[in-house]
Amino acid sequence: MIRDTIFREIYRSYLADIYALAGRNDEAIALISGLLKSRFRFTPVTPIMLRLAPTWDLLREDPRFQALLKEYPAEVRLR
């Protein structure tokens, strides 16, 4: 069960990558938003990765992507 959840989250993140690279912003942003809202914390899509990953460069000017960046600030916590 956990393995299925992990693979589903990874699959959804890869699909968001593909949509972003293909210029299908609506689908990419919908998947990214869903991954960020997921209660399951094992996901390659995190607030910090939204800012760092070059995959999202094509989405950076989209107002919906900008809204996600504001909604999910990237906080780095050092212990």
Protein backbone atom coordinates (compact mmCIF):
# COMPACT_ATOMS: atom_id res chain seq x y z
CA MET A 1 0.00 0.00 0.00
CA ILE A 2 2.72 2.51 0.90
CA ARG A 3 4.72 1.41 -2.14
CA ASP A 4 1.72 2.17 -4.37
CA THR A 5 1.38 5.61 -2.83
CA ILE A 6 5.08 6.34 -3.34
CA PHE A 7 4.96 5.25 -6.98
CA ARG A 8 1.77 7.24 -7.57
CA GLU A 9 3.37 10.42 -6.20
CA ILE A 10 6.52 9.89 -8.28
CA TYR A 11 4.45 9.19 -11.39
CA ARG A 12 2.40 12.36 -10.84
CA SER A 13 5.57 14.45 -10.41
CA TYR A 14 7.05 13.04 -13.64
CA LEU A 15 3.80 13.73 -15.43
CA ALA A 16 3.87 17.33 -14.17
CA ASP A 17 7.44 17.62 -15.54
CA ILE A 18 6.31 16.35 -18.94
CA TYR A 19 3.32 18.68 -19.05
CA ALA A 20 5.52 21.65 -18.14
CA LEU A 21 8.08 20.81 -20.81
CA ALA A 22 5.31 20.32 -23.38
CA GLY A 23 3.83 23.73 -22.60
CA ARG A 24 0.67 22.31 -21.07
CA ASN A 25 0.67 24.69 -18.12
CA ASP A 26 -2.90 23.97 -17.00
CA GLU A 27 -2.23 20.28 -16.46
CA ALA A 28 1.24 20.82 -14.95
CA ILE A 29 0.06 23.39 -12.43
CA ALA A 30 -2.96 21.29 -11.46
CA LEU A 31 -0.68 18.32 -10.72
CA ILE A 32 1.85 20.46 -8.85
CA SER A 33 -0.91 21.95 -6.73
CA GLY A 34 -2.27 18.50 -5.93
CA LEU A 35 1.17 17.22 -4.97
CA LEU A 36 1.78 20.16 -2.68
CA LYS A 37 -1.57 19.59 -0.96
CA SER A 38 -0.99 15.87 -0.56
CA ARG A 39 -0.92 14.58 3.00
CA PHE A 40 1.71 12.07 1.95
CA ARG A 41 5.03 13.82 2.41
CA PHE A 42 7.16 11.66 0.12
CA THR A 43 6.98 13.70 -3.04
CA PRO A 44 9.69 15.17 -5.26
CA VAL A 45 7.61 18.35 -5.58
CA THR A 46 8.31 20.57 -2.61
CA PRO A 47 8.19 24.34 -2.16
CA ILE A 48 11.97 24.58 -2.35
CA MET A 49 12.09 22.48 -5.53
CA LEU A 50 9.55 24.78 -7.17
CA ARG A 51 12.14 27.51 -6.85
CA LEU A 52 15.24 25.48 -7.77
CA ALA A 53 14.34 22.87 -10.37
CA PRO A 54 14.97 24.00 -13.96
CA THR A 55 11.99 21.91 -15.06
CA TRP A 56 9.68 24.64 -13.83
CA ASP A 57 11.45 27.48 -15.71
CA LEU A 58 8.78 27.43 -18.40
CA LEU A 59 6.07 27.96 -15.77
CA ARG A 60 7.72 30.72 -13.75
CA GLU A 61 5.92 33.59 -15.50
CA ASP A 62 2.48 31.96 -15.18
CA PRO A 63 0.39 33.80 -12.54
CA ARG A 64 -0.95 30.50 -11.18
CA PHE A 65 2.60 29.24 -10.63
CA GLN A 66 3.47 32.52 -8.92
CA ALA A 67 0.42 32.03 -6.67
CA LEU A 68 1.71 28.56 -5.69
CA LEU A 69 5.08 30.08 -4.79
CA LYS A 70 3.34 32.58 -2.51
CA GLU A 71 1.02 29.98 -1.00
CA TYR A 72 3.87 27.57 -0.22
CA PRO A 73 6.89 29.57 0.95
CA ALA A 74 10.20 27.73 0.94
CA GLU A 75 11.42 27.71 4.48
CA VAL A 76 14.72 26.16 5.31
CA ARG A 77 14.93 24.95 8.85
CA LEU A 78 18.33 24.22 10.25
CA ARG A 79 18.70 22.22 13.41
